[in-house]
């Protein structure tokens, strides 16, 4: 990723985070993927809900897009996309062949542990990575305030009133966290938040099907702990650092079936 200026990239999308109100960008989604030459890349900002339908890429879609190195984000994987140039090439589905092709791209990038990624971060400012946890201790749905904090609520209200016909960005009244241990002998355990769009959308969809709070949380836990990390799955965390605080967050789960 040493090219200077605007250039075109072919990227397998592996992560989309839930939209966040932004004073500078109004509303943004952070997307992470892997280029066709096997490098992590972060695309930010993307106004995903404003994209036309033919440019709204899914996870595990190959896309082409013009990018330039982000001049305000010093993380080496961060690039600014030109959203109007997005072209969706193909989607790798959940067939045996689809999973095989996903694994061909992602598994060579796996690190040994979060501890190893932390050492990479200290040495080279690495801010994206993937590793296999040794043990999932818990998956927690932690209650938060029902509405956006005052600063973000102003942004959401202004956007709804003046700039966008789309529905207001919903505040999800939970944050979702994994407690886990790594294979590194020095690991003392970790507690990280997951901000994948998919888990927030699961909450939005399932709350109507399971109006009882305890049942809803049980269903989310079943999916994101018991199914995704079932012994029949070869599951990994995809992680990234916060742009300001540089702390690690889980931005996705890669959970292919075990096998060839």
Foldseek 3Di string as FASTA:
>chain_A
DPDADKDKWKWQWAFWFAWAQDPVPLIAIWTWTATPVQDIAIEPGDPQVPDPPQQNDDHRWIKMWIWHCDPVFPQVRYIYTPSVRIHTDGHQDQDPVSLVVVCVRAVVQADQWVVVVVVCCVVPVHFKGKYFFPFWPFKDWAFADQADDPVRVVSQVCCCVPPDVDDGRGDDRTWIWIWTHGPPPPTPIDIATERTNVLVVLLVVCCVVPVDPVVSVVVSRCVPPVVQPPPQWRKMFIWGADRPPRDIHGRDMDTRGDDD
